[in-house]
Amino acid sequence: MIRTNVVYLSVLKGIAYRQKLPSGGSGIVIIREGCAQPGIASISKTSGEAIPAANMPKDLFPEEAFKEAIALTAGLPYRKLGGVQWKGETVSETEAAPEEAVPEQVVVDSAEYEKIVEKYTDKDGKLSYALLNKDLIRFAHASRVVRQMLDEGGKQKEISRYVVSAKFRAVTGNKKLSDEQAMKMAELLDEVSPKGAFKELNGEIRRSLKARKE
């Protein structure tokens, strides 16, 4: 099981983690041994690549370090560290200020998340949102529960939540997977999608709801 955590880099001696940006996007923070200033970059939703902060010293935090950090932290929850202290080859976290406190995170099993990614990876080895949405829409059309929710005038968000959660339970083989865990996986998938990972599914549900009212 994984909670908010950090990864160790090989490009340079340092650690990295993902953080939630005030704008709502995702960012990468690199803390390098012996360097008081962290390396910070946002993650582009269109390319998935790092966009370093303007005042960041690129000689200390090269592009390769951010590429490795993005790859290693893919699928991990966000983190926010206070101070850190290096002890040989490892790093420990010093006590953070009150405003640095990290809220409790939904625990996601990394192996189950990988099953979701593997299920919807295309022949070129890339996560395919087209495959994901096609499968979710097919499931929605075949589900008696979804038909009942549509007939009763359910909300699009609630129906989408049911479809994603039920399908992810089937894909992972974990019938005890909670809605919160499933939606956390959905959130992680949505981070790297330029138009929203479930745009087609949501659109199909909205059309179905509209057709019921006509």
N, C-alpha and C. Protein backbone atom coordinates (compact mmCIF):
# COMPACT_ATOMS: atom_id res chain seq x y z
N MET A 1 0.84 -1.18 0.00
CA MET A 1 0.00 0.00 0.00
C MET A 1 0.89 1.24 0.00
N ILE A 2 0.45 2.30 -0.64
CA ILE A 2 1.26 3.51 -0.69
C ILE A 2 0.52 4.69 -0.10
N ARG A 3 1.23 5.51 0.65
CA ARG A 3 0.71 6.78 1.10
C ARG A 3 1.59 7.87 0.49
N THR A 4 1.32 9.11 0.90
CA THR A 4 2.17 10.18 0.42
C THR A 4 3.61 9.85 0.76
N ASN A 5 4.50 9.85 -0.22
CA ASN A 5 5.88 9.54 0.07
C ASN A 5 6.81 10.18 -0.96
N VAL A 6 8.09 9.97 -0.77
CA VAL A 6 9.09 10.57 -1.64
C VAL A 6 9.84 9.46 -2.38
N VAL A 7 10.54 9.84 -3.44
CA VAL A 7 11.35 8.89 -4.19
C VAL A 7 12.79 9.41 -4.24
N TYR A 8 13.74 8.50 -4.33
CA TYR A 8 15.15 8.87 -4.45
C TYR A 8 15.54 8.90 -5.91
N LEU A 9 16.30 9.89 -6.29
CA LEU A 9 16.72 10.06 -7.68
C LEU A 9 18.12 9.49 -7.91
N SER A 10 18.37 9.10 -9.16
CA SER A 10 19.70 8.59 -9.52
C SER A 10 20.48 9.61 -10.35
N VAL A 11 19.76 10.52 -11.00
CA VAL A 11 20.40 11.55 -11.82
C VAL A 11 21.25 12.46 -10.95
N LEU A 12 20.77 12.75 -9.75
CA LEU A 12 21.50 13.55 -8.77
C LEU A 12 21.15 13.01 -7.39
N LYS A 13 21.93 13.39 -6.38
CA LYS A 13 21.66 12.91 -5.02
C LYS A 13 20.58 13.79 -4.41
N GLY A 14 19.38 13.28 -4.43
CA GLY A 14 18.27 14.05 -3.92
C GLY A 14 17.01 13.24 -3.91
N ILE A 15 15.95 13.85 -3.42
CA ILE A 15 14.64 13.21 -3.35
C ILE A 15 13.64 14.06 -4.11
N ALA A 16 12.50 13.46 -4.44
CA ALA A 16 11.47 14.19 -5.18
C ALA A 16 10.09 13.73 -4.73
N TYR A 17 9.12 14.60 -4.87
CA TYR A 17 7.74 14.25 -4.56
C TYR A 17 6.81 15.16 -5.36
N ARG A 18 5.56 14.73 -5.47
CA ARG A 18 4.56 15.55 -6.15
C ARG A 18 3.81 16.39 -5.14
N GLN A 19 3.41 17.58 -5.58
CA GLN A 19 2.60 18.43 -4.73
C GLN A 19 1.45 19.03 -5.52
N LYS A 20 0.37 19.33 -4.81
CA LYS A 20 -0.79 19.96 -5.42
C LYS A 20 -0.53 21.45 -5.52
N LEU A 21 -0.69 22.01 -6.71
CA LEU A 21 -0.46 23.44 -6.91
C LEU A 21 -1.71 24.24 -6.55
N PRO A 22 -1.53 25.48 -6.13
CA PRO A 22 -2.68 26.34 -5.82
C PRO A 22 -3.65 26.48 -6.99
N SER A 23 -3.11 26.37 -8.21
CA SER A 23 -3.95 26.49 -9.40
C SER A 23 -4.78 25.25 -9.65
N GLY A 24 -4.48 24.19 -8.91
CA GLY A 24 -5.20 22.94 -9.08
C GLY A 24 -4.44 21.90 -9.87
N GLY A 25 -3.31 22.28 -10.46
CA GLY A 25 -2.51 21.35 -11.23
C GLY A 25 -1.56 20.55 -10.34
N SER A 26 -0.66 19.82 -10.98
CA SER A 26 0.30 18.98 -10.28
C SER A 26 1.71 19.52 -10.48
N GLY A 27 2.52 19.44 -9.44
CA GLY A 27 3.89 19.93 -9.53
C GLY A 27 4.88 18.92 -8.98
N ILE A 28 6.15 19.16 -9.27
CA ILE A 28 7.25 18.32 -8.79
C ILE A 28 8.20 19.17 -7.96
N VAL A 29 8.61 18.62 -6.82
CA VAL A 29 9.60 19.28 -5.97
C VAL A 29 10.81 18.36 -5.84
N ILE A 30 12.00 18.89 -6.08
CA ILE A 30 13.24 18.13 -5.91
C ILE A 30 14.05 18.80 -4.80
N ILE A 31 14.47 18.00 -3.83
CA ILE A 31 15.34 18.50 -2.77
C ILE A 31 16.69 17.82 -2.92
N ARG A 32 17.69 18.64 -3.18
CA ARG A 32 19.03 18.12 -3.44
C ARG A 32 19.90 18.25 -2.19
N GLU A 33 20.70 17.23 -1.92
CA GLU A 33 21.58 17.25 -0.75
C GLU A 33 22.52 18.45 -0.81
N GLY A 34 22.61 19.16 0.29
CA GLY A 34 23.52 20.28 0.37
C GLY A 34 23.02 21.55 -0.27
N CYS A 35 21.79 21.55 -0.73
CA CYS A 35 21.23 22.72 -1.40
C CYS A 35 19.98 23.16 -0.64
N ALA A 36 20.00 24.38 -0.12
CA ALA A 36 18.87 24.88 0.67
C ALA A 36 17.65 25.15 -0.20
N GLN A 37 17.88 25.56 -1.44
CA GLN A 37 16.76 25.89 -2.33
C GLN A 37 16.26 24.65 -3.06
N PRO A 38 14.97 24.34 -2.98
CA PRO A 38 14.45 23.19 -3.73
C PRO A 38 14.24 23.52 -5.19
N GLY A 39 14.23 22.50 -6.02
CA GLY A 39 13.90 22.68 -7.43
C GLY A 39 12.41 22.44 -7.61
N ILE A 40 11.71 23.38 -8.21
CA ILE A 40 10.25 23.29 -8.33
C ILE A 40 9.83 23.43 -9.78
N ALA A 41 8.88 22.62 -10.19
CA ALA A 41 8.34 22.70 -11.55
C ALA A 41 6.88 22.26 -11.54
N SER A 42 6.10 22.82 -12.43
CA SER A 42 4.73 22.35 -12.63
C SER A 42 4.77 21.29 -13.73
N ILE A 43 3.73 20.48 -13.82
CA ILE A 43 3.66 19.44 -14.84
C ILE A 43 2.63 19.84 -15.88
N SER A 44 3.07 19.94 -17.13
CA SER A 44 2.18 20.33 -18.21
C SER A 44 1.12 19.27 -18.45
N LYS A 45 -0.15 19.69 -18.53
CA LYS A 45 -1.24 18.74 -18.79
C LYS A 45 -1.26 18.31 -20.25
N THR A 46 -0.65 19.11 -21.13
CA THR A 46 -0.66 18.76 -22.54
C THR A 46 0.46 17.80 -22.91
N SER A 47 1.65 18.02 -22.34
CA SER A 47 2.80 17.19 -22.69
C SER A 47 3.23 16.24 -21.59
N GLY A 48 2.81 16.53 -20.35
CA GLY A 48 3.24 15.71 -19.23
C GLY A 48 4.66 16.00 -18.79
N GLU A 49 5.28 17.04 -19.36
CA GLU A 49 6.66 17.38 -19.04
C GLU A 49 6.73 18.48 -17.99
N ALA A 50 7.90 18.61 -17.38
CA ALA A 50 8.10 19.60 -16.33
C ALA A 50 8.25 21.00 -16.91
N ILE A 51 7.66 21.97 -16.23
CA ILE A 51 7.83 23.39 -16.57
C ILE A 51 8.49 24.03 -15.36
N PRO A 52 9.84 24.15 -15.36
CA PRO A 52 10.56 24.65 -14.19
C PRO A 52 10.18 26.09 -13.83
N ALA A 53 10.27 26.41 -12.55
CA ALA A 53 10.04 27.78 -12.10
C ALA A 53 11.10 28.69 -12.72
N ALA A 54 10.69 29.92 -12.99
CA ALA A 54 11.56 30.85 -13.72
C ALA A 54 12.88 31.13 -13.00
N ASN A 55 12.86 31.19 -11.67
CA ASN A 55 14.08 31.56 -10.92
C ASN A 55 14.89 30.36 -10.45
N MET A 56 14.59 29.19 -10.97
CA MET A 56 15.27 27.98 -10.51
C MET A 56 16.60 27.79 -11.22
N PRO A 57 17.68 27.53 -10.49
CA PRO A 57 19.00 27.29 -11.10
C PRO A 57 19.04 25.96 -11.86
N LYS A 58 19.09 26.03 -13.18
CA LYS A 58 19.04 24.81 -13.99
C LYS A 58 20.30 23.97 -13.88
N ASP A 59 21.41 24.58 -13.45
CA ASP A 59 22.63 23.79 -13.28
C ASP A 59 22.52 22.85 -12.08
N LEU A 60 21.71 23.23 -11.10
CA LEU A 60 21.52 22.38 -9.93
C LEU A 60 20.39 21.38 -10.14
N PHE A 61 19.40 21.77 -10.96
CA PHE A 61 18.24 20.92 -11.19
C PHE A 61 18.01 20.77 -12.69
N PRO A 62 18.78 19.88 -13.33
CA PRO A 62 18.67 19.70 -14.78
C PRO A 62 17.36 19.06 -15.22
N GLU A 63 17.08 19.17 -16.49
CA GLU A 63 15.85 18.61 -17.07
C GLU A 63 15.73 17.11 -16.81
N GLU A 64 16.89 16.41 -16.87
CA GLU A 64 16.88 14.96 -16.68
C GLU A 64 16.37 14.57 -15.29
N ALA A 65 16.68 15.41 -14.29
CA ALA A 65 16.24 15.12 -12.93
C ALA A 65 14.72 15.20 -12.83
N PHE A 66 14.13 16.20 -13.49
CA PHE A 66 12.68 16.34 -13.46
C PHE A 66 12.00 15.21 -14.23
N LYS A 67 12.60 14.79 -15.34
CA LYS A 67 12.03 13.68 -16.10
C LYS A 67 12.00 12.42 -15.25
N GLU A 68 13.10 12.16 -14.53
CA GLU A 68 13.15 10.98 -13.67
C GLU A 68 12.15 11.12 -12.53
N ALA A 69 12.04 12.31 -11.95
CA ALA A 69 11.13 12.53 -10.83
C ALA A 69 9.68 12.31 -11.25
N ILE A 70 9.31 12.80 -12.44
CA ILE A 70 7.95 12.63 -12.94
C ILE A 70 7.65 11.15 -13.16
N ALA A 71 8.61 10.42 -13.72
CA ALA A 71 8.41 9.00 -13.99
C ALA A 71 8.28 8.20 -12.68
N LEU A 72 9.12 8.49 -11.71
CA LEU A 72 9.12 7.73 -10.47
C LEU A 72 7.92 8.03 -9.57
N THR A 73 7.38 9.24 -9.68
CA THR A 73 6.26 9.62 -8.81
C THR A 73 4.91 9.42 -9.47
N ALA A 74 4.90 8.91 -10.70
CA ALA A 74 3.63 8.69 -11.41
C ALA A 74 2.71 7.79 -10.59
N GLY A 75 1.51 8.26 -10.32
CA GLY A 75 0.55 7.47 -9.57
C GLY A 75 0.62 7.61 -8.07
N LEU A 76 1.62 8.36 -7.56
CA LEU A 76 1.74 8.54 -6.12
C LEU A 76 0.93 9.74 -5.66
N PRO A 77 0.39 9.67 -4.45
CA PRO A 77 -0.34 10.83 -3.90
C PRO A 77 0.60 12.01 -3.67
N TYR A 78 0.01 13.16 -3.38
CA TYR A 78 0.80 14.36 -3.15
C TYR A 78 1.49 14.32 -1.79
N ARG A 79 2.52 15.17 -1.69
CA ARG A 79 3.28 15.27 -0.44
C ARG A 79 3.66 16.71 -0.22
N LYS A 80 3.83 17.10 1.03
CA LYS A 80 4.38 18.40 1.35
C LYS A 80 5.29 18.24 2.55
N LEU A 81 6.58 18.52 2.37
CA LEU A 81 7.55 18.31 3.43
C LEU A 81 7.84 19.59 4.18
N GLY A 82 8.23 19.42 5.43
CA GLY A 82 8.79 20.54 6.16
C GLY A 82 10.27 20.58 5.85
N GLY A 83 11.13 20.66 6.86
CA GLY A 83 12.56 20.60 6.60
C GLY A 83 13.00 19.16 6.45
N VAL A 84 14.16 18.95 5.83
CA VAL A 84 14.70 17.60 5.70
C VAL A 84 16.15 17.59 6.14
N GLN A 85 16.61 16.45 6.57
CA GLN A 85 17.98 16.31 7.05
C GLN A 85 18.59 15.05 6.46
N TRP A 86 19.75 15.19 5.81
CA TRP A 86 20.41 14.04 5.20
C TRP A 86 21.24 13.30 6.24
N LYS A 87 21.13 11.98 6.22
CA LYS A 87 21.90 11.11 7.11
C LYS A 87 22.53 10.02 6.26
N GLY A 88 23.74 10.27 5.80
CA GLY A 88 24.40 9.31 4.92
C GLY A 88 23.69 9.24 3.59
N GLU A 89 23.17 8.05 3.26
CA GLU A 89 22.48 7.85 1.99
C GLU A 89 20.98 8.04 2.10
N THR A 90 20.49 8.33 3.28
CA THR A 90 19.05 8.49 3.47
C THR A 90 18.73 9.90 3.95
N VAL A 91 17.45 10.21 3.93
CA VAL A 91 16.99 11.53 4.35
C VAL A 91 15.84 11.36 5.33
N SER A 92 15.82 12.18 6.35
CA SER A 92 14.72 12.14 7.31
C SER A 92 14.06 13.51 7.34
N GLU A 93 12.79 13.51 7.70
CA GLU A 93 12.04 14.76 7.72
C GLU A 93 12.07 15.36 9.10
N THR A 94 12.41 16.66 9.17
CA THR A 94 12.36 17.36 10.44
C THR A 94 10.94 17.83 10.66
N GLU A 95 10.65 18.30 11.85
CA GLU A 95 9.29 18.70 12.18
C GLU A 95 8.84 19.87 11.32
N ALA A 96 7.69 19.73 10.70
CA ALA A 96 7.17 20.77 9.83
C ALA A 96 6.40 21.80 10.64
N ALA A 97 6.33 22.99 10.09
CA ALA A 97 5.53 24.05 10.70
C ALA A 97 4.07 23.66 10.60
N PRO A 98 3.21 24.20 11.47
CA PRO A 98 1.79 23.82 11.47
C PRO A 98 1.12 23.94 10.11
N GLU A 99 1.46 25.01 9.36
CA GLU A 99 0.82 25.19 8.06
C GLU A 99 1.30 24.19 7.03
N GLU A 100 2.36 23.44 7.36
CA GLU A 100 2.89 22.45 6.43
C GLU A 100 2.24 21.09 6.64
N ALA A 101 1.34 20.98 7.61
CA ALA A 101 0.76 19.69 7.95
C ALA A 101 0.08 19.07 6.73
N VAL A 102 0.22 17.77 6.58
CA VAL A 102 -0.35 17.05 5.44
C VAL A 102 -1.63 16.35 5.86
N PRO A 103 -2.76 16.60 5.19
CA PRO A 103 -4.01 15.93 5.56
C PRO A 103 -3.94 14.44 5.24
N GLU A 104 -4.76 13.67 5.92
CA GLU A 104 -4.81 12.22 5.69
C GLU A 104 -5.18 11.94 4.24
N GLN A 105 -4.47 11.03 3.62
CA GLN A 105 -4.70 10.71 2.22
C GLN A 105 -5.42 9.38 2.09
N VAL A 106 -6.20 9.25 1.02
CA VAL A 106 -6.80 7.96 0.71
C VAL A 106 -5.69 7.01 0.30
N VAL A 107 -5.66 5.83 0.88
CA VAL A 107 -4.61 4.86 0.59
C VAL A 107 -4.95 4.10 -0.69
N VAL A 108 -4.01 4.08 -1.62
CA VAL A 108 -4.21 3.40 -2.89
C VAL A 108 -3.16 2.31 -3.04
N ASP A 109 -3.59 1.12 -3.41
CA ASP A 109 -2.66 0.03 -3.63
C ASP A 109 -1.98 0.22 -4.98
N SER A 110 -0.66 0.34 -4.98
CA SER A 110 0.07 0.63 -6.21
C SER A 110 -0.09 -0.48 -7.25
N ALA A 111 -0.17 -1.74 -6.79
CA ALA A 111 -0.33 -2.86 -7.72
C ALA A 111 -1.68 -2.78 -8.42
N GLU A 112 -2.72 -2.38 -7.68
CA GLU A 112 -4.04 -2.26 -8.28
C GLU A 112 -4.09 -1.10 -9.26
N TYR A 113 -3.43 -0.01 -8.92
CA TYR A 113 -3.39 1.13 -9.82
C TYR A 113 -2.67 0.75 -11.12
N GLU A 114 -1.61 -0.05 -11.00
CA GLU A 114 -0.88 -0.50 -12.17
C GLU A 114 -1.75 -1.39 -13.06
N LYS A 115 -2.66 -2.16 -12.45
CA LYS A 115 -3.58 -3.00 -13.23
C LYS A 115 -4.50 -2.12 -14.09
N ILE A 116 -4.94 -1.00 -13.52
CA ILE A 116 -5.79 -0.07 -14.26
C ILE A 116 -5.02 0.50 -15.45
N VAL A 117 -3.80 0.96 -15.19
CA VAL A 117 -2.97 1.53 -16.25
C VAL A 117 -2.68 0.49 -17.33
N GLU A 118 -2.33 -0.73 -16.91
CA GLU A 118 -2.02 -1.81 -17.86
C GLU A 118 -3.23 -2.16 -18.72
N LYS A 119 -4.41 -2.17 -18.11
CA LYS A 119 -5.64 -2.52 -18.81
C LYS A 119 -5.89 -1.57 -19.98
N TYR A 120 -5.57 -0.29 -19.80
CA TYR A 120 -5.90 0.70 -20.81
C TYR A 120 -4.66 1.30 -21.49
N THR A 121 -3.62 0.50 -21.56
CA THR A 121 -2.42 0.89 -22.29
C THR A 121 -2.51 0.34 -23.71
N ASP A 122 -2.26 1.20 -24.71
CA ASP A 122 -2.39 0.77 -26.10
C ASP A 122 -1.16 0.01 -26.58
N LYS A 123 -1.16 -0.38 -27.85
CA LYS A 123 -0.07 -1.19 -28.39
C LYS A 123 1.25 -0.44 -28.47
N ASP A 124 1.19 0.90 -28.37
CA ASP A 124 2.42 1.70 -28.37
C ASP A 124 2.95 1.93 -26.97
N GLY A 125 2.29 1.33 -25.98
CA GLY A 125 2.75 1.45 -24.60
C GLY A 125 2.32 2.72 -23.91
N LYS A 126 1.30 3.40 -24.45
CA LYS A 126 0.82 4.65 -23.86
C LYS A 126 -0.57 4.46 -23.27
N LEU A 127 -0.83 5.14 -22.16
CA LEU A 127 -2.15 5.11 -21.56
C LEU A 127 -3.15 5.72 -22.52
N SER A 128 -4.18 4.96 -22.89
CA SER A 128 -5.16 5.40 -23.88
C SER A 128 -6.48 5.77 -23.20
N TYR A 129 -6.82 7.05 -23.23
CA TYR A 129 -8.08 7.49 -22.66
C TYR A 129 -9.24 7.08 -23.55
N ALA A 130 -8.97 6.85 -24.83
CA ALA A 130 -10.01 6.38 -25.74
C ALA A 130 -10.44 4.96 -25.34
N LEU A 131 -9.46 4.09 -25.07
CA LEU A 131 -9.77 2.73 -24.62
C LEU A 131 -10.49 2.75 -23.28
N LEU A 132 -10.03 3.60 -22.39
CA LEU A 132 -10.63 3.72 -21.06
C LEU A 132 -12.10 4.11 -21.16
N ASN A 133 -12.38 5.19 -21.90
CA ASN A 133 -13.75 5.66 -22.01
C ASN A 133 -14.64 4.69 -22.77
N LYS A 134 -14.11 4.05 -23.80
CA LYS A 134 -14.89 3.08 -24.57
C LYS A 134 -15.35 1.94 -23.67
N ASP A 135 -14.46 1.47 -22.81
CA ASP A 135 -14.79 0.37 -21.91
C ASP A 135 -15.79 0.81 -20.84
N LEU A 136 -15.61 2.01 -20.31
CA LEU A 136 -16.52 2.53 -19.30
C LEU A 136 -17.92 2.76 -19.87
N ILE A 137 -17.99 3.29 -21.10
CA ILE A 137 -19.28 3.53 -21.74
C ILE A 137 -19.99 2.21 -22.03
N ARG A 138 -19.22 1.21 -22.49
CA ARG A 138 -19.80 -0.11 -22.74
C ARG A 138 -20.38 -0.70 -21.45
N PHE A 139 -19.63 -0.53 -20.37
CA PHE A 139 -20.10 -1.02 -19.07
C PHE A 139 -21.37 -0.29 -18.64
N ALA A 140 -21.40 1.02 -18.84
CA ALA A 140 -22.57 1.82 -18.45
C ALA A 140 -23.81 1.38 -19.20
N HIS A 141 -23.67 1.12 -20.51
CA HIS A 141 -24.82 0.71 -21.33
C HIS A 141 -25.36 -0.66 -20.91
N ALA A 142 -24.47 -1.51 -20.39
CA ALA A 142 -24.87 -2.87 -20.02
C ALA A 142 -25.36 -3.00 -18.58
N SER A 143 -25.19 -1.93 -17.80
CA SER A 143 -25.50 -2.00 -16.37
C SER A 143 -26.96 -1.68 -16.06
N ARG A 144 -27.63 -2.59 -15.38
CA ARG A 144 -29.00 -2.34 -14.96
C ARG A 144 -29.06 -1.25 -13.89
N VAL A 145 -28.03 -1.19 -13.07
CA VAL A 145 -27.97 -0.16 -12.04
C VAL A 145 -27.92 1.23 -12.68
N VAL A 146 -27.10 1.35 -13.73
CA VAL A 146 -26.99 2.63 -14.42
C VAL A 146 -28.32 3.01 -15.08
N ARG A 147 -28.97 2.03 -15.69
CA ARG A 147 -30.27 2.30 -16.33
C ARG A 147 -31.28 2.80 -15.30
N GLN A 148 -31.26 2.20 -14.12
CA GLN A 148 -32.18 2.62 -13.07
C GLN A 148 -31.85 4.05 -12.61
N MET A 149 -30.56 4.34 -12.48
CA MET A 149 -30.15 5.69 -12.06
C MET A 149 -30.56 6.72 -13.10
N LEU A 150 -30.46 6.36 -14.37
CA LEU A 150 -30.87 7.27 -15.46
C LEU A 150 -32.38 7.48 -15.42
N ASP A 151 -33.14 6.40 -15.25
CA ASP A 151 -34.60 6.49 -15.22
C ASP A 151 -35.08 7.34 -14.04
N GLU A 152 -34.34 7.29 -12.95
CA GLU A 152 -34.73 8.05 -11.76
C GLU A 152 -34.19 9.47 -11.79
N GLY A 153 -33.54 9.84 -12.91
CA GLY A 153 -33.02 11.21 -13.03
C GLY A 153 -31.83 11.51 -12.15
N GLY A 154 -30.96 10.51 -11.98
CA GLY A 154 -29.78 10.71 -11.15
C GLY A 154 -28.85 11.77 -11.70
N LYS A 155 -27.96 12.25 -10.87
CA LYS A 155 -27.01 13.27 -11.29
C LYS A 155 -25.85 12.64 -12.08
N GLN A 156 -25.39 13.37 -13.08
CA GLN A 156 -24.30 12.85 -13.93
C GLN A 156 -23.08 12.46 -13.10
N LYS A 157 -22.71 13.28 -12.14
CA LYS A 157 -21.53 13.02 -11.33
C LYS A 157 -21.67 11.73 -10.54
N GLU A 158 -22.87 11.50 -10.00
CA GLU A 158 -23.09 10.29 -9.20
C GLU A 158 -23.05 9.04 -10.07
N ILE A 159 -23.61 9.15 -11.28
CA ILE A 159 -23.62 8.00 -12.19
C ILE A 159 -22.20 7.69 -12.66
N SER A 160 -21.45 8.73 -12.99
CA SER A 160 -20.05 8.54 -13.41
C SER A 160 -19.24 7.89 -12.29
N ARG A 161 -19.49 8.33 -11.07
CA ARG A 161 -18.77 7.77 -9.92
C ARG A 161 -19.08 6.29 -9.78
N TYR A 162 -20.34 5.91 -9.96
CA TYR A 162 -20.70 4.49 -9.85
C TYR A 162 -20.01 3.68 -10.95
N VAL A 163 -20.06 4.18 -12.20
CA VAL A 163 -19.48 3.46 -13.34
C VAL A 163 -17.98 3.24 -13.13
N VAL A 164 -17.27 4.31 -12.78
CA VAL A 164 -15.82 4.21 -12.60
C VAL A 164 -15.48 3.26 -11.45
N SER A 165 -16.17 3.41 -10.32
CA SER A 165 -15.87 2.58 -9.15
C SER A 165 -16.16 1.11 -9.42
N ALA A 166 -17.32 0.83 -10.02
CA ALA A 166 -17.69 -0.56 -10.29
C ALA A 166 -16.73 -1.20 -11.29
N LYS A 167 -16.37 -0.47 -12.33
CA LYS A 167 -15.47 -1.01 -13.35
C LYS A 167 -14.07 -1.22 -12.80
N PHE A 168 -13.59 -0.30 -11.98
CA PHE A 168 -12.25 -0.45 -11.40
C PHE A 168 -12.20 -1.63 -10.43
N ARG A 169 -13.30 -1.88 -9.74
CA ARG A 169 -13.33 -3.07 -8.87
C ARG A 169 -13.21 -4.34 -9.70
N ALA A 170 -13.86 -4.34 -10.86
CA ALA A 170 -13.79 -5.50 -11.74
C ALA A 170 -12.40 -5.68 -12.33
N VAL A 171 -11.79 -4.59 -12.75
CA VAL A 171 -10.46 -4.66 -13.38
C VAL A 171 -9.39 -5.10 -12.38
N THR A 172 -9.46 -4.56 -11.16
CA THR A 172 -8.44 -4.90 -10.15
C THR A 172 -8.72 -6.24 -9.50
N GLY A 173 -9.97 -6.74 -9.61
CA GLY A 173 -10.33 -7.99 -8.96
C GLY A 173 -10.54 -7.84 -7.47
N ASN A 174 -10.59 -6.59 -7.00
CA ASN A 174 -10.79 -6.31 -5.58
C ASN A 174 -12.21 -5.80 -5.34
N LYS A 175 -13.08 -6.69 -4.88
CA LYS A 175 -14.47 -6.31 -4.64
C LYS A 175 -14.63 -5.38 -3.46
N LYS A 176 -13.57 -5.29 -2.63
CA LYS A 176 -13.62 -4.41 -1.45
C LYS A 176 -13.04 -3.03 -1.74
N LEU A 177 -12.65 -2.79 -2.97
CA LEU A 177 -12.12 -1.47 -3.33
C LEU A 177 -13.20 -0.42 -3.07
N SER A 178 -12.89 0.56 -2.25
CA SER A 178 -13.89 1.57 -1.90
C SER A 178 -14.07 2.59 -3.02
N ASP A 179 -15.20 3.28 -2.98
CA ASP A 179 -15.44 4.33 -3.97
C ASP A 179 -14.35 5.41 -3.86
N GLU A 180 -13.93 5.69 -2.62
CA GLU A 180 -12.90 6.71 -2.41
C GLU A 180 -11.58 6.30 -3.05
N GLN A 181 -11.21 5.03 -2.92
CA GLN A 181 -9.97 4.55 -3.54
C GLN A 181 -10.08 4.57 -5.06
N ALA A 182 -11.24 4.15 -5.57
CA ALA A 182 -11.45 4.16 -7.02
C ALA A 182 -11.38 5.57 -7.58
N MET A 183 -11.98 6.52 -6.88
CA MET A 183 -11.97 7.90 -7.36
C MET A 183 -10.60 8.54 -7.20
N LYS A 184 -9.81 8.06 -6.24
CA LYS A 184 -8.43 8.54 -6.12
C LYS A 184 -7.63 8.09 -7.34
N MET A 185 -7.84 6.83 -7.76
CA MET A 185 -7.19 6.34 -8.97
C MET A 185 -7.62 7.17 -10.17
N ALA A 186 -8.92 7.49 -10.22
CA ALA A 186 -9.45 8.30 -11.32
C ALA A 186 -8.80 9.68 -11.32
N GLU A 187 -8.60 10.23 -10.14
CA GLU A 187 -7.95 11.54 -10.01
C GLU A 187 -6.52 11.50 -10.52
N LEU A 188 -5.80 10.42 -10.20
CA LEU A 188 -4.42 10.27 -10.65
C LEU A 188 -4.36 10.14 -12.17
N LEU A 189 -5.31 9.41 -12.75
CA LEU A 189 -5.37 9.28 -14.20
C LEU A 189 -5.68 10.62 -14.85
N ASP A 190 -6.57 11.38 -14.21
CA ASP A 190 -7.03 12.65 -14.77
C ASP A 190 -5.93 13.71 -14.76
N GLU A 191 -4.94 13.55 -13.88
CA GLU A 191 -3.86 14.53 -13.77
C GLU A 191 -3.10 14.73 -15.07
N VAL A 192 -2.89 13.66 -15.80
CA VAL A 192 -2.05 13.73 -16.99
C VAL A 192 -2.85 13.82 -18.28
N SER A 193 -4.18 13.97 -18.17
CA SER A 193 -5.00 14.08 -19.36
C SER A 193 -5.25 15.54 -19.70
N PRO A 194 -4.93 15.97 -20.93
CA PRO A 194 -5.10 17.37 -21.30
C PRO A 194 -6.55 17.82 -21.37
N LYS A 195 -7.50 16.90 -21.52
CA LYS A 195 -8.91 17.31 -21.66
C LYS A 195 -9.82 16.65 -20.63
N GLY A 196 -9.24 15.95 -19.68
CA GLY A 196 -10.05 15.26 -18.69
C GLY A 196 -10.18 13.80 -19.07
N ALA A 197 -9.77 12.92 -18.18
CA ALA A 197 -9.71 11.49 -18.51
C ALA A 197 -11.07 10.89 -18.83
N PHE A 198 -12.16 11.47 -18.28
CA PHE A 198 -13.47 10.86 -18.43
C PHE A 198 -14.44 11.76 -19.20
N LYS A 199 -13.91 12.57 -20.10
CA LYS A 199 -14.74 13.51 -20.85
C LYS A 199 -15.80 12.79 -21.67
N GLU A 200 -15.41 11.72 -22.39
CA GLU A 200 -16.35 11.00 -23.24
C GLU A 200 -17.42 10.29 -22.40
N LEU A 201 -17.03 9.68 -21.29
CA LEU A 201 -17.99 9.01 -20.41
C LEU A 201 -19.00 10.02 -19.87
N ASN A 202 -18.52 11.13 -19.36
CA ASN A 202 -19.41 12.14 -18.80
C ASN A 202 -20.37 12.69 -19.86
N GLY A 203 -19.84 12.87 -21.07
CA GLY A 203 -20.68 13.37 -22.15
C GLY A 203 -21.78 12.38 -22.51
N GLU A 204 -21.45 11.10 -22.53
CA GLU A 204 -22.42 10.06 -22.86
C GLU A 204 -23.52 9.99 -21.80
N ILE A 205 -23.14 10.12 -20.55
CA ILE A 205 -24.12 10.08 -19.47
C ILE A 205 -25.04 11.30 -19.54
N ARG A 206 -24.47 12.46 -19.83
CA ARG A 206 -25.31 13.66 -19.96
C ARG A 206 -26.31 13.52 -21.11
N ARG A 207 -25.87 12.93 -22.22
CA ARG A 207 -26.78 12.72 -23.35
C ARG A 207 -27.89 11.74 -22.99
N SER A 208 -27.54 10.71 -22.24
CA SER A 208 -28.54 9.71 -21.84
C SER A 208 -29.56 10.33 -20.89
N LEU A 209 -29.11 11.19 -19.99
CA LEU A 209 -30.02 11.86 -19.07
C LEU A 209 -30.96 12.80 -19.82
N LYS A 210 -30.40 13.49 -20.80
CA LYS A 210 -31.19 14.42 -21.59
C LYS A 210 -32.26 13.67 -22.40
N ALA A 211 -31.88 12.51 -22.95
CA ALA A 211 -32.81 11.72 -23.76
C ALA A 211 -33.97 11.21 -22.90
N ARG A 212 -33.72 10.93 -21.62
CA ARG A 212 -34.78 10.45 -20.73
C ARG A 212 -35.82 11.55 -20.48
N LYS A 213 -35.39 12.81 -20.52
CA LYS A 213 -36.28 13.92 -20.22
C LYS A 213 -37.12 14.34 -21.44
N GLU A 214 -36.69 13.94 -22.63
CA GLU A 214 -37.40 14.37 -23.84
C GLU A 214 -38.59 13.47 -24.14
